[in-house]
């Protein structure tokens, strides 16, 4: 997010430092993908929508997040079949997280 001007709105929602958000996303994805429940052990149930309610999430933010995740998967070499399945799952969740029009 720091390097791509296209992710400006998304980056602005994460404050001045990304380390905490990056770590929480890692912990969440570990459990979500069937690994250890690091996130739940630390914070309880993810309650994704409730935890993200303070942040404006419209179509622009949703699309920036999806693009950012897809770019990251490409950069680390996630195989295309898995990348497609994750992209589809991320898209459904990201759209469900929207709390603002437009």
C-alpha atoms as a PDB file:
ATOM      1  CA  UNK A   1       0.000   0.000   0.000  1.00  0.00           C
ATOM      2  CA  UNK A   2       2.872   2.349   0.699  1.00  0.00           C
ATOM      3  CA  UNK A   3       4.321   2.008  -2.774  1.00  0.00           C
ATOM      4  CA  UNK A   4       1.214   2.203  -4.960  1.00  0.00           C
ATOM      5  CA  UNK A   5      -0.466   5.595  -5.468  1.00  0.00           C
ATOM      6  CA  UNK A   6      -3.615   3.720  -6.581  1.00  0.00           C
ATOM      7  CA  UNK A   7      -4.081   2.471  -3.001  1.00  0.00           C
ATOM      8  CA  UNK A   8      -4.074   5.965  -1.460  1.00  0.00           C
ATOM      9  CA  UNK A   9      -7.558   5.791   0.106  1.00  0.00           C
ATOM     10  CA  UNK A  10      -6.922   2.335   1.526  1.00  0.00           C
ATOM     11  CA  UNK A  11      -3.515   3.317   2.895  1.00  0.00           C
ATOM     12  CA  UNK A  12      -4.933   6.417   4.603  1.00  0.00           C
ATOM     13  CA  UNK A  13      -7.303   4.261   6.665  1.00  0.00           C
ATOM     14  CA  UNK A  14      -4.381   2.353   8.216  1.00  0.00           C
ATOM     15  CA  UNK A  15      -2.680   5.200  10.063  1.00  0.00           C
ATOM     16  CA  UNK A  16       0.972   6.127   9.918  1.00  0.00           C
ATOM     17  CA  UNK A  17       2.384   2.640  10.549  1.00  0.00           C
ATOM     18  CA  UNK A  18       1.411  -0.638   8.848  1.00  0.00           C
ATOM     19  CA  UNK A  19       3.220  -3.112  11.109  1.00  0.00           C
ATOM     20  CA  UNK A  20       0.228  -3.710  13.409  1.00  0.00           C
ATOM     21  CA  UNK A  21      -2.257  -4.124  10.534  1.00  0.00           C
ATOM     22  CA  UNK A  22       0.154  -6.424   8.701  1.00  0.00           C
ATOM     23  CA  UNK A  23       0.613  -8.610  11.784  1.00  0.00           C
ATOM     24  CA  UNK A  24      -3.129  -8.821  12.482  1.00  0.00           C
ATOM     25  CA  UNK A  25      -3.830  -9.748   8.862  1.00  0.00           C
ATOM     26  CA  UNK A  26      -1.179 -12.478   9.055  1.00  0.00           C
ATOM     27  CA  UNK A  27      -2.663 -13.866  12.282  1.00  0.00           C
ATOM     28  CA  UNK A  28      -6.183 -13.756  10.850  1.00  0.00           C
ATOM     29  CA  UNK A  29      -5.250 -15.408   7.554  1.00  0.00           C
ATOM     30  CA  UNK A  30      -3.347 -18.180   9.366  1.00  0.00           C
ATOM     31  CA  UNK A  31      -6.528 -19.324  11.078  1.00  0.00           C
ATOM     32  CA  UNK A  32      -8.812 -18.584   8.153  1.00  0.00           C
ATOM     33  CA  UNK A  33      -6.680 -20.789   5.919  1.00  0.00           C
ATOM     34  CA  UNK A  34      -6.753 -23.683   8.404  1.00  0.00           C
ATOM     35  CA  UNK A  35      -3.583 -23.033  10.368  1.00  0.00           C
ATOM     36  CA  UNK A  36      -3.149 -21.944  13.971  1.00  0.00           C
ATOM     37  CA  UNK A  37      -5.787 -19.562  15.365  1.00  0.00           C
ATOM     38  CA  UNK A  38      -3.300 -16.856  16.332  1.00  0.00           C
ATOM     39  CA  UNK A  39      -5.846 -14.073  15.868  1.00  0.00           C
ATOM     40  CA  UNK A  40      -8.605 -15.726  17.908  1.00  0.00           C
ATOM     41  CA  UNK A  41      -6.162 -16.588  20.696  1.00  0.00           C
ATOM     42  CA  UNK A  42      -5.193 -12.922  21.002  1.00  0.00           C
ATOM     43  CA  UNK A  43      -8.411 -11.048  20.247  1.00  0.00           C
ATOM     44  CA  UNK A  44     -11.308 -13.488  20.282  1.00  0.00           C
ATOM     45  CA  UNK A  45     -13.739 -13.929  17.419  1.00  0.00           C
ATOM     46  CA  UNK A  46     -12.696 -11.801  14.407  1.00  0.00           C
ATOM     47  CA  UNK A  47     -16.064 -10.002  14.119  1.00  0.00           C
ATOM     48  CA  UNK A  48     -14.773  -8.568  10.848  1.00  0.00           C
ATOM     49  CA  UNK A  49     -17.665  -6.242  10.102  1.00  0.00           C
ATOM     50  CA  UNK A  50     -17.883  -4.886  13.640  1.00  0.00           C
ATOM     51  CA  UNK A  51     -14.120  -4.295  13.873  1.00  0.00           C
ATOM     52  CA  UNK A  52     -14.099  -2.463  10.542  1.00  0.00           C
ATOM     53  CA  UNK A  53     -17.199  -0.322  11.162  1.00  0.00           C
ATOM     54  CA  UNK A  54     -15.161   2.715  12.290  1.00  0.00           C
ATOM     55  CA  UNK A  55     -13.564   2.831   8.830  1.00  0.00           C
ATOM     56  CA  UNK A  56     -15.323   3.957   5.678  1.00  0.00           C
ATOM     57  CA  UNK A  57     -15.459   1.011   3.311  1.00  0.00           C
ATOM     58  CA  UNK A  58     -17.088   1.827   0.011  1.00  0.00           C
ATOM     59  CA  UNK A  59     -16.553   0.487  -3.474  1.00  0.00           C
ATOM     60  CA  UNK A  60     -13.264   2.374  -3.884  1.00  0.00           C
ATOM     61  CA  UNK A  61     -11.799   1.026  -0.630  1.00  0.00           C
ATOM     62  CA  UNK A  62     -13.095  -2.478  -1.368  1.00  0.00           C
ATOM     63  CA  UNK A  63     -11.580  -2.484  -4.837  1.00  0.00           C
ATOM     64  CA  UNK A  64      -8.270  -1.060  -3.612  1.00  0.00           C
ATOM     65  CA  UNK A  65      -8.036  -3.760  -0.929  1.00  0.00           C
ATOM     66  CA  UNK A  66      -8.804  -6.505  -3.446  1.00  0.00           C
ATOM     67  CA  UNK A  67      -6.215  -5.137  -5.880  1.00  0.00           C
ATOM     68  CA  UNK A  68      -3.649  -4.869  -3.101  1.00  0.00           C
ATOM     69  CA  UNK A  69      -4.258  -8.462  -1.987  1.00  0.00           C
ATOM     70  CA  UNK A  70      -4.094  -9.726  -5.569  1.00  0.00           C
ATOM     71  CA  UNK A  71      -0.849  -7.862  -6.174  1.00  0.00           C
ATOM     72  CA  UNK A  72       0.619  -9.280  -2.961  1.00  0.00           C
ATOM     73  CA  UNK A  73      -0.377 -12.818  -3.960  1.00  0.00           C
ATOM     74  CA  UNK A  74       1.313 -12.293  -7.316  1.00  0.00           C
ATOM     75  CA  UNK A  75       4.466 -10.906  -5.733  1.00  0.00           C
ATOM     76  CA  UNK A  76       4.892 -13.895  -3.406  1.00  0.00           C
ATOM     77  CA  UNK A  77       4.091 -16.421  -6.132  1.00  0.00           C
ATOM     78  CA  UNK A  78       0.762 -17.856  -4.997  1.00  0.00           C
ATOM     79  CA  UNK A  79      -0.108 -20.478  -7.638  1.00  0.00           C
ATOM     80  CA  UNK A  80      -2.782 -19.241 -10.055  1.00  0.00           C
ATOM     81  CA  UNK A  81      -5.414 -21.844  -9.157  1.00  0.00           C
ATOM     82  CA  UNK A  82      -5.167 -20.997  -5.448  1.00  0.00           C
ATOM     83  CA  UNK A  83      -4.899 -17.301  -6.242  1.00  0.00           C
ATOM     84  CA  UNK A  84      -8.165 -17.475  -8.179  1.00  0.00           C
ATOM     85  CA  UNK A  85      -9.970 -19.226  -5.324  1.00  0.00           C
ATOM     86  CA  UNK A  86      -8.614 -16.750  -2.774  1.00  0.00           C
ATOM     87  CA  UNK A  87      -9.506 -13.826  -5.044  1.00  0.00           C
ATOM     88  CA  UNK A  88     -13.089 -15.101  -5.232  1.00  0.00           C
ATOM     89  CA  UNK A  89     -13.351 -15.599  -1.480  1.00  0.00           C
ATOM     90  CA  UNK A  90     -11.740 -12.242  -0.720  1.00  0.00           C
ATOM     91  CA  UNK A  91     -14.154 -10.522  -3.123  1.00  0.00           C
ATOM     92  CA  UNK A  92     -17.212 -11.901  -1.339  1.00  0.00           C
ATOM     93  CA  UNK A  93     -15.901 -10.924   2.072  1.00  0.00           C
ATOM     94  CA  UNK A  94     -14.726  -7.486   0.935  1.00  0.00           C
ATOM     95  CA  UNK A  95     -18.107  -6.703  -0.580  1.00  0.00           C
ATOM     96  CA  UNK A  96     -19.862  -7.852   2.608  1.00  0.00           C
ATOM     97  CA  UNK A  97     -17.617  -5.483   4.605  1.00  0.00           C
ATOM     98  CA  UNK A  98     -18.860  -2.396   2.733  1.00  0.00           C
ATOM     99  CA  UNK A  99     -20.482   0.115   5.068  1.00  0.00           C
ATOM    100  CA  UNK A 100     -20.659   3.146   2.780  1.00  0.00           C
ATOM    101  CA  UNK A 101     -22.105   3.774  -0.666  1.00  0.00           C
ATOM    102  CA  UNK A 102     -19.811   4.451  -3.577  1.00  0.00           C
END
